Protein backbone atom coordinates (compact mmCIF):
# COMPACT_ATOMS: atom_id res chain seq x y z
CA UNK A 1 -5.67 7.18 -8.11
CA UNK A 2 -6.33 5.63 -11.64
CA UNK A 3 -3.79 7.69 -12.82
CA UNK A 4 -0.97 6.45 -10.64
CA UNK A 5 1.34 7.60 -7.98
CA UNK A 6 4.70 8.76 -7.61
CA UNK A 7 5.42 6.06 -4.82
CA UNK A 8 5.03 6.05 -1.06
CA UNK A 9 6.52 4.47 1.99
CA UNK A 10 4.75 0.99 2.81
CA UNK A 11 6.09 1.38 6.45
CA UNK A 12 5.84 5.02 7.43
CA UNK A 13 2.51 6.81 6.55
CA UNK A 14 4.44 10.35 6.90
CA UNK A 15 7.46 9.68 4.75
CA UNK A 16 7.95 12.39 2.00
CA UNK A 17 10.63 10.64 -0.05
CA UNK A 18 12.48 7.21 -0.68
CA UNK A 19 15.30 6.14 1.86
CA UNK A 20 17.09 2.89 2.36
CA UNK A 21 14.81 1.68 5.24
CA UNK A 22 11.23 3.02 4.40
CA UNK A 23 10.09 0.40 2.06
CA UNK A 24 9.28 2.87 -0.83
CA UNK A 25 6.69 1.20 -3.39
CA UNK A 26 5.36 2.40 -6.71
CA UNK A 27 2.03 1.06 -7.46
CA UNK A 28 0.89 2.85 -10.52
CA UNK A 29 -2.89 3.00 -11.31
CA UNK A 30 -4.69 1.54 -8.40
CA UNK A 31 -7.98 1.62 -6.40
CA UNK A 32 -7.73 1.90 -2.44
CA UNK A 33 -10.24 0.03 -0.26
CA UNK A 34 -10.44 2.00 3.18
CA UNK A 35 -12.67 0.42 5.92
CA UNK A 36 -12.72 0.31 9.69
CA UNK A 37 -12.20 -3.49 9.83
CA UNK A 38 -9.70 -5.61 8.04
CA UNK A 39 -12.24 -8.13 6.81
CA UNK A 40 -11.50 -7.23 3.02
CA UNK A 41 -7.91 -7.44 3.61
CA UNK A 42 -7.80 -10.92 5.23
CA UNK A 43 -5.31 -13.16 3.09
CA UNK A 44 -3.77 -10.08 1.39
CA UNK A 45 0.03 -9.54 1.51
CA UNK A 46 1.04 -7.69 4.51
CA UNK A 47 4.80 -7.70 3.74
CA UNK A 48 6.52 -4.20 3.58
CA UNK A 49 7.84 -4.95 0.29
CA UNK A 50 4.94 -6.51 -1.55
CA UNK A 51 4.68 -7.09 -5.44
CA UNK A 52 2.96 -3.82 -6.53
CA UNK A 53 1.39 -5.81 -9.51
CA UNK A 54 -0.89 -7.79 -7.13
CA UNK A 55 -3.31 -6.73 -4.26
CA UNK A 56 -1.51 -5.65 -1.09
CA UNK A 57 -2.14 -4.09 2.45
CA UNK A 58 -0.37 -0.50 2.77
CA UNK A 59 0.80 0.39 6.13
CA UNK A 60 -0.05 -2.78 8.02
CA UNK A 61 -0.51 -2.66 11.67
CA UNK A 62 -1.01 0.97 11.77
CA UNK A 63 -4.37 2.82 12.25
CA UNK A 64 -3.91 3.73 8.49
CA UNK A 65 -3.76 0.33 6.75
CA UNK A 66 -5.77 -0.15 3.66
CA UNK A 67 -6.13 -2.49 0.54
CA UNK A 68 -4.30 -1.46 -2.41
CA UNK A 69 -5.76 -2.82 -5.72
CA UNK A 70 -3.65 -2.48 -8.79
CA UNK A 71 -5.40 -1.71 -12.06
CA UNK A 72 -3.59 -3.23 -15.10
């Protein structure tokens, strides 16, 4: 994911494109931390429209949530 992404919905893990209500976000270069517990994510923003230049939780409240760490 260091080459960046073309964006994804931060509320719908199955979304294939941007809509007015699916909280589309483009992060650019990033590292994802996926783990069975949310300990690493404690204190990270869980807002559906986070600042993509700071760490945040993707798909909060779903079984697919993970921590997104932007790389500058």
